[in-house]
Amino acid sequence: MKQLRTSLRVALGVCAVMLPIWAGCSFSLTERILCPDAGSCTPTPPVADMTMLPDLLNPRTDPNEAGPFQVASQELTVPTTLGLAQNKLTLVWPSDDGMSPSMKSASHPLVVMLPAQSLPLAQLRSYADRLASHGVAVALVKVSDERRQVAYRDSVLALIPHLTQSSEVKDKLRASHVGIFGYQLGGEVALSALSKTTLAIRSALVIDPVAVLSFVEPLDGLADAAAISQSKDAPVLFLGELLSKVSSEPGVSPCAPPGANFEAFYDRVGGAAAAITFGGATLGDFVSAYPDSCGLASADRATTLRLSIKLTTAYFQWTLLERDAAKDYLFGSSWNLDRSRYGLDQVKKGL
């Protein structure tokens, strides 16, 4: 009988403990019953993580980081008359799922991106992916014959209305918000296209534009640059370096002609413009890998590339996404921090 009474006391004790747990309650370290529901239990107080900002206060617009979108890539077949390599065009889209263009916006601004001579388009994907993550569609353009520079320029001029007015993706692109980006030969072609077009090329950023020698169909890029006149709301932005215009070895020609490098293009271009010089960098430092040696850089290549992607993103945030706050990374306090920290320099006109 005594053993039965002991068993009953144990059973009642277990029930007293388990009943609140079965009801959804728990015990704190002081054995006070805490319960998520109203009643005899006390709600668990929320613990605020002071290191995390609420989503509404952190819109992910910092151009030094990926934006709020995922990225999707699309191969688009284009007419043979455009003269693109294999009649294909790579489009990089802002995406919600990493597979298709985002539906959060009816249409997206477009940047047409032109690489250096003989450089694969993959070298520019870091720029394209960053822009797409912030809501800008990118067309990576490679023509069949880069030696025919006039035809290259004309292909770009024909491609833009095809994409925004005729192609299967026309409804996803904002024809009034088109920018152009060019690197080295691509920079010269971009400036020539900007000078000749009657289309809505709203803004242009060029990295180390070079008047590349051609014996087939050369552009007069410097003369074309003189015909450009951009407003202060969308100035031409130049990113460049100085080491590649001097020979690194006796008897070897410089990679960029001293009289036709980015400084010469900047001097010629009309209207509003700004040029940012990367001290200690050289021609190939604006991509992750470059086939030629164009001077011995004293600056860290990864830092040069990161800053170049950041400034490119901020420029198109400002001129195509109409985010005035992005100008701070180009001309304001954020720019001043980068200038002093990384040895950058800047000149402006018409601003």
Protein backbone atom coordinates (compact mmCIF):
# COMPACT_ATOMS: atom_id res chain seq x y z
CA MET A 1 0.00 0.00 0.00
CA LYS A 2 2.87 2.34 0.85
CA GLN A 3 4.48 1.54 -2.49
CA LEU A 4 1.20 2.40 -4.30
CA ARG A 5 0.97 5.79 -2.54
CA THR A 6 4.57 6.57 -3.57
CA SER A 7 3.81 5.67 -7.19
CA LEU A 8 0.74 7.92 -7.19
CA ARG A 9 2.77 10.86 -5.83
CA VAL A 10 5.37 10.37 -8.57
CA ALA A 11 2.69 10.17 -11.26
CA LEU A 12 0.96 13.32 -10.00
CA GLY A 13 4.30 15.15 -9.93
CA VAL A 14 5.07 14.16 -13.53
CA CYS A 15 1.60 15.30 -14.62
CA ALA A 16 2.06 18.64 -12.89
CA VAL A 17 5.25 19.21 -14.87
CA MET A 18 4.12 17.83 -18.21
CA LEU A 19 0.66 19.44 -18.35
CA PRO A 20 1.95 23.00 -19.07
CA ILE A 21 4.38 21.61 -21.64
CA TRP A 22 1.57 19.74 -23.42
CA ALA A 23 -0.33 23.06 -23.43
CA GLY A 24 2.52 24.78 -25.27
CA CYS A 25 4.36 26.25 -22.26
CA SER A 26 7.98 26.02 -21.27
CA PHE A 27 10.13 26.63 -18.23
CA SER A 28 12.61 29.45 -17.92
CA LEU A 29 15.91 29.06 -16.15
CA THR A 30 14.18 30.14 -12.92
CA GLU A 31 11.47 27.49 -13.44
CA ARG A 32 8.80 30.18 -14.04
CA ILE A 33 6.26 28.88 -16.57
CA LEU A 34 6.35 30.88 -19.80
CA CYS A 35 3.61 30.49 -22.39
CA PRO A 36 3.07 32.02 -25.84
CA ASP A 37 -0.69 32.24 -25.31
CA ALA A 38 -2.68 34.56 -23.05
CA GLY A 39 -3.89 33.32 -19.72
CA SER A 40 -1.98 32.32 -16.70
CA CYS A 41 1.34 32.17 -18.60
CA THR A 42 3.64 35.13 -19.28
CA PRO A 43 4.62 35.77 -22.99
CA THR A 44 8.30 35.38 -23.83
CA PRO A 45 9.76 38.86 -24.40
CA PRO A 46 11.29 39.31 -27.89
CA VAL A 47 15.05 39.69 -28.08
CA ALA A 48 16.09 42.55 -30.38
CA ASP A 49 19.16 41.97 -32.54
CA MET A 50 20.75 45.41 -32.51
CA THR A 51 23.24 44.42 -35.22
CA MET A 52 20.54 43.94 -37.89
CA LEU A 53 18.64 46.77 -39.52
CA PRO A 54 14.97 46.33 -40.47
CA ASP A 55 14.42 45.69 -44.20
CA LEU A 56 12.77 49.08 -44.66
CA LEU A 57 15.92 50.77 -43.38
CA ASN A 58 18.27 48.65 -45.49
CA PRO A 59 17.17 48.82 -49.15
CA ARG A 60 20.47 47.31 -50.39
CA THR A 61 21.42 50.16 -52.69
CA ASP A 62 25.15 50.22 -51.81
CA PRO A 63 26.93 49.88 -55.20
CA ASN A 64 29.87 48.18 -53.48
CA GLU A 65 27.64 45.18 -52.79
CA ALA A 66 25.16 43.06 -54.72
CA GLY A 67 21.68 44.55 -54.85
CA PRO A 68 18.30 43.00 -53.94
CA PHE A 69 17.85 41.03 -57.19
CA GLN A 70 19.20 37.69 -58.26
CA VAL A 71 20.76 37.47 -61.74
CA ALA A 72 19.58 35.54 -64.80
CA SER A 73 21.40 35.10 -68.11
CA GLN A 74 19.75 34.73 -71.52
CA GLU A 75 21.17 34.00 -74.98
CA LEU A 76 19.17 35.95 -77.55
CA THR A 77 19.34 35.26 -81.29
CA VAL A 78 19.61 38.47 -83.34
CA PRO A 79 19.38 39.19 -87.09
CA THR A 80 22.49 38.43 -89.15
CA THR A 81 22.48 42.03 -90.39
CA LEU A 82 23.68 43.17 -86.96
CA GLY A 83 27.02 41.43 -87.47
CA LEU A 84 27.24 39.98 -83.97
CA ALA A 85 29.39 36.93 -83.29
CA GLN A 86 27.36 33.77 -84.03
CA ASN A 87 24.27 36.02 -84.28
CA LYS A 88 23.94 35.78 -80.52
CA LEU A 89 23.65 38.30 -77.73
CA THR A 90 24.02 37.67 -74.02
CA LEU A 91 21.46 39.47 -71.85
CA VAL A 92 21.94 39.67 -68.08
CA TRP A 93 18.72 40.38 -66.20
CA PRO A 94 17.58 41.37 -62.73
CA SER A 95 15.73 38.27 -61.56
CA ASP A 96 13.48 37.09 -58.76
CA ASP A 97 14.34 33.41 -59.16
CA GLY A 98 17.72 33.34 -60.92
CA MET A 99 16.15 31.98 -64.11
CA SER A 100 13.98 34.68 -65.73
CA PRO A 101 13.69 38.50 -65.78
CA SER A 102 12.18 40.02 -62.67
CA MET A 103 8.47 40.85 -62.75
CA LYS A 104 8.73 43.37 -59.93
CA SER A 105 9.10 46.11 -62.52
CA ALA A 106 7.31 46.35 -65.87
CA SER A 107 10.57 47.22 -67.62
CA HIS A 108 14.24 47.73 -66.84
CA PRO A 109 16.87 50.25 -67.88
CA LEU A 110 19.46 48.84 -70.29
CA VAL A 111 23.25 49.13 -70.44
CA VAL A 112 24.96 48.02 -73.66
CA MET A 113 28.39 46.72 -72.70
CA LEU A 114 31.35 46.56 -75.14
CA PRO A 115 34.58 44.72 -74.21
CA ALA A 116 38.21 45.36 -75.07
CA GLN A 117 39.59 44.07 -78.34
CA SER A 118 39.85 40.25 -78.35
CA LEU A 119 38.64 40.10 -74.75
CA PRO A 120 35.97 37.46 -74.02
CA LEU A 121 32.63 38.73 -72.74
CA ALA A 122 33.05 36.66 -69.59
CA GLN A 123 35.62 39.22 -68.41
CA LEU A 124 32.83 41.81 -68.07
CA ARG A 125 30.36 39.60 -66.21
CA SER A 126 31.36 41.01 -62.82
CA TYR A 127 30.19 44.45 -64.01
CA ALA A 128 27.05 43.05 -65.65
CA ASP A 129 26.08 40.92 -62.65
CA ARG A 130 26.46 43.82 -60.23
CA LEU A 131 24.32 46.10 -62.40
CA ALA A 132 21.66 43.41 -62.85
CA SER A 133 21.51 42.81 -59.10
CA HIS A 134 20.59 46.48 -58.72
CA GLY A 135 17.83 46.42 -61.34
CA VAL A 136 19.60 47.21 -64.64
CA ALA A 137 19.50 44.85 -67.64
CA VAL A 138 22.80 44.43 -69.50
CA ALA A 139 23.48 43.46 -73.13
CA LEU A 140 26.97 41.98 -73.59
CA VAL A 141 27.94 42.70 -77.20
CA LYS A 142 30.62 40.93 -79.27
CA VAL A 143 30.83 41.62 -83.01
CA SER A 144 32.14 39.21 -85.63
CA ASP A 145 35.04 41.42 -86.76
CA GLU A 146 36.42 44.02 -84.35
CA ARG A 147 38.90 45.30 -86.98
CA ARG A 148 36.01 46.85 -88.88
CA GLN A 149 35.53 49.56 -86.28
CA VAL A 150 32.99 51.64 -88.21
CA ALA A 151 30.86 48.54 -88.79
CA TYR A 152 31.26 47.72 -85.08
CA ARG A 153 29.89 51.15 -84.16
CA ASP A 154 27.04 50.85 -86.65
CA SER A 155 26.12 47.41 -85.29
CA VAL A 156 25.72 48.94 -81.84
CA LEU A 157 23.58 51.76 -83.22
CA ALA A 158 21.33 49.23 -84.98
CA LEU A 159 21.20 46.88 -82.00
CA ILE A 160 19.68 49.35 -79.55
CA PRO A 161 16.42 50.01 -81.46
CA HIS A 162 16.21 46.31 -82.32
CA LEU A 163 16.28 45.40 -78.62
CA THR A 164 13.92 48.14 -77.43
CA GLN A 165 11.48 48.19 -80.37
CA SER A 166 11.53 44.90 -82.28
CA SER A 167 12.96 42.02 -80.24
CA GLU A 168 11.12 39.49 -78.11
CA VAL A 169 12.36 41.30 -74.99
CA LYS A 170 11.31 44.81 -76.04
CA ASP A 171 8.54 45.03 -73.42
CA LYS A 172 11.03 44.28 -70.66
CA LEU A 173 13.33 47.17 -71.59
CA ARG A 174 12.92 50.90 -70.99
CA ALA A 175 13.79 52.56 -74.33
CA SER A 176 14.17 55.99 -72.73
CA HIS A 177 16.77 54.76 -70.22
CA VAL A 178 19.65 53.26 -72.19
CA GLY A 179 23.29 53.62 -71.21
CA ILE A 180 26.48 52.46 -72.88
CA PHE A 181 29.66 51.07 -71.33
CA GLY A 182 32.93 50.45 -73.15
CA TYR A 183 36.38 49.16 -72.20
CA GLN A 184 39.45 50.08 -74.31
CA LEU A 185 38.39 49.56 -77.97
CA GLY A 186 34.86 49.20 -76.63
CA GLY A 187 35.26 52.63 -75.02
CA GLU A 188 36.22 54.24 -78.32
CA VAL A 189 33.28 52.56 -80.07
CA ALA A 190 30.90 53.61 -77.27
CA LEU A 191 31.93 57.27 -77.56
CA SER A 192 31.63 57.16 -81.34
CA ALA A 193 28.15 55.65 -81.03
CA LEU A 194 27.16 58.34 -78.53
CA SER A 195 28.33 61.05 -80.95
CA LYS A 196 26.43 59.65 -83.94
CA THR A 197 23.18 58.39 -82.52
CA THR A 198 19.79 60.03 -82.72
CA LEU A 199 18.58 57.39 -80.26
CA ALA A 200 18.05 57.78 -76.54
CA ILE A 201 21.51 56.81 -75.29
CA ARG A 202 21.08 58.57 -72.00
CA SER A 203 24.51 58.11 -70.42
CA ALA A 204 27.97 56.67 -71.09
CA LEU A 205 30.80 55.31 -68.96
CA VAL A 206 34.09 54.29 -70.57
CA ILE A 207 37.12 52.60 -69.01
CA ASP A 208 40.52 53.37 -70.51
CA PRO A 209 39.20 54.15 -74.00
CA VAL A 210 41.98 53.68 -76.55
CA ALA A 211 42.18 54.66 -80.23
CA VAL A 212 43.05 51.16 -81.39
CA LEU A 213 44.96 50.99 -84.68
CA SER A 214 43.08 49.32 -87.54
CA PHE A 215 44.12 48.96 -91.18
CA VAL A 216 40.66 47.78 -92.28
CA GLU A 217 38.00 50.26 -91.19
CA PRO A 218 39.30 52.60 -88.48
CA LEU A 219 37.26 55.02 -86.42
CA ASP A 220 38.36 58.58 -85.80
CA GLY A 221 37.37 58.24 -82.19
CA LEU A 222 38.90 61.49 -80.99
CA ALA A 223 37.07 63.52 -83.65
CA ASP A 224 33.83 61.76 -82.77
CA ALA A 225 34.34 62.52 -79.09
CA ALA A 226 34.47 66.23 -79.88
CA ALA A 227 30.88 66.02 -81.17
CA ILE A 228 29.54 64.78 -77.82
CA SER A 229 27.68 67.20 -75.57
CA GLN A 230 26.15 65.60 -72.51
CA SER A 231 24.14 67.44 -69.86
CA LYS A 232 25.22 67.69 -66.23
CA ASP A 233 22.46 65.20 -65.33
CA ALA A 234 24.28 62.49 -67.29
CA PRO A 235 27.91 63.45 -67.86
CA VAL A 236 30.29 61.12 -69.66
CA LEU A 237 32.34 59.34 -67.00
CA PHE A 238 35.90 58.17 -67.73
CA LEU A 239 37.83 55.70 -65.58
CA GLY A 240 41.48 55.38 -66.48
CA GLU A 241 45.12 54.89 -65.57
CA LEU A 242 48.43 56.29 -66.76
CA LEU A 243 50.98 53.46 -66.61
CA SER A 244 50.06 51.81 -69.90
CA LYS A 245 50.88 54.89 -71.99
CA VAL A 246 54.57 54.54 -71.15
CA SER A 247 56.69 51.58 -72.19
CA SER A 248 57.65 49.19 -69.42
CA GLU A 249 60.68 47.95 -71.39
CA PRO A 250 63.07 49.77 -73.76
CA GLY A 251 62.01 49.44 -77.38
CA VAL A 252 58.52 48.17 -76.60
CA SER A 253 55.53 50.30 -77.60
CA PRO A 254 53.13 51.37 -74.84
CA CYS A 255 49.79 49.59 -74.65
CA ALA A 256 47.88 52.88 -74.89
CA PRO A 257 49.13 55.57 -77.31
CA PRO A 258 50.17 58.62 -75.24
CA GLY A 259 48.19 60.93 -77.53
CA ALA A 260 45.08 58.73 -77.72
CA ASN A 261 44.46 57.36 -74.26
CA PHE A 262 41.62 58.26 -71.90
CA GLU A 263 43.08 61.69 -71.10
CA ALA A 264 42.96 62.67 -74.78
CA PHE A 265 39.36 61.49 -75.10
CA TYR A 266 38.38 63.39 -71.97
CA ASP A 267 40.00 66.58 -73.27
CA ARG A 268 38.10 66.30 -76.57
CA VAL A 269 34.65 65.38 -75.32
CA GLY A 270 32.18 68.24 -75.16
CA GLY A 271 29.55 69.03 -72.56
CA ALA A 272 29.63 67.65 -69.04
CA ALA A 273 32.21 65.02 -68.16
CA ALA A 274 34.33 63.67 -65.33
CA ALA A 275 37.48 61.55 -65.34
CA ILE A 276 38.74 59.44 -62.45
CA THR A 277 42.37 58.29 -62.49
CA PHE A 278 43.47 55.16 -60.62
CA GLY A 279 46.97 55.84 -59.35
CA GLY A 280 49.29 52.85 -59.62
CA ALA A 281 46.91 50.83 -61.80
CA THR A 282 47.51 49.68 -65.35
CA LEU A 283 45.39 48.86 -68.39
CA GLY A 284 44.54 45.27 -67.48
CA ASP A 285 43.62 45.91 -63.86
CA PHE A 286 39.97 46.67 -64.62
CA VAL A 287 39.21 42.98 -65.25
CA SER A 288 40.15 39.86 -63.31
CA ALA A 289 42.55 38.53 -65.95
CA TYR A 290 44.15 40.27 -68.93
CA PRO A 291 46.29 38.64 -71.65
CA ASP A 292 48.94 41.39 -72.01
CA SER A 293 51.38 43.02 -69.61
CA CYS A 294 50.93 46.80 -69.84
CA GLY A 295 53.26 48.13 -67.21
CA LEU A 296 53.95 47.04 -63.66
CA ALA A 297 51.12 48.14 -61.40
CA SER A 298 51.83 49.25 -57.86
CA ALA A 299 48.13 49.19 -56.92
CA ASP A 300 46.34 45.99 -55.96
CA ARG A 301 44.42 44.64 -58.97
CA ALA A 302 41.53 43.27 -56.93
CA THR A 303 41.05 46.66 -55.27
CA THR A 304 41.14 48.47 -58.62
CA LEU A 305 38.54 46.09 -60.05
CA ARG A 306 36.30 46.36 -56.99
CA LEU A 307 36.37 50.15 -57.04
CA SER A 308 35.74 50.25 -60.79
CA ILE A 309 32.67 48.01 -60.46
CA LYS A 310 31.44 50.14 -57.55
CA LEU A 311 31.82 53.43 -59.46
CA THR A 312 30.22 51.94 -62.59
CA THR A 313 27.22 50.76 -60.57
CA ALA A 314 26.85 54.11 -58.80
CA TYR A 315 27.01 55.97 -62.14
CA PHE A 316 24.20 53.97 -63.72
CA GLN A 317 22.18 54.04 -60.48
CA TRP A 318 22.28 57.80 -60.79
CA THR A 319 21.77 58.25 -64.54
CA LEU A 320 19.43 55.32 -65.33
CA LEU A 321 17.72 54.44 -62.04
CA GLU A 322 17.50 58.14 -61.09
CA ARG A 323 18.91 57.66 -57.61
CA ASP A 324 20.45 61.02 -56.85
CA ALA A 325 22.01 59.66 -53.66
CA ALA A 326 24.35 57.55 -55.81
CA LYS A 327 26.19 60.73 -56.87
CA ASP A 328 27.82 60.74 -53.45
CA TYR A 329 29.95 57.76 -54.51
CA LEU A 330 31.16 59.75 -57.53
CA PHE A 331 31.48 63.30 -56.23
CA GLY A 332 30.58 63.49 -52.52
CA SER A 333 31.85 62.36 -49.14
CA SER A 334 32.01 58.67 -50.11
CA TRP A 335 34.13 59.62 -53.13
CA ASN A 336 36.47 61.67 -50.93
CA LEU A 337 37.00 58.65 -48.66
CA ASP A 338 37.90 56.46 -51.64
CA ARG A 339 40.14 59.16 -53.08
CA SER A 340 42.24 59.49 -49.95
CA ARG A 341 42.27 55.78 -49.19
CA TYR A 342 43.12 54.42 -52.64
CA GLY A 343 45.05 57.19 -54.38
CA LEU A 344 42.35 58.23 -56.84
CA ASP A 345 42.17 61.56 -58.60
CA GLN A 346 39.38 63.38 -60.43
CA VAL A 347 38.78 66.21 -62.88
CA LYS A 348 35.38 67.57 -63.99
CA LYS A 349 33.97 69.95 -66.55
CA GLY A 350 30.46 71.25 -67.11
CA LEU A 351 29.44 70.08 -63.64
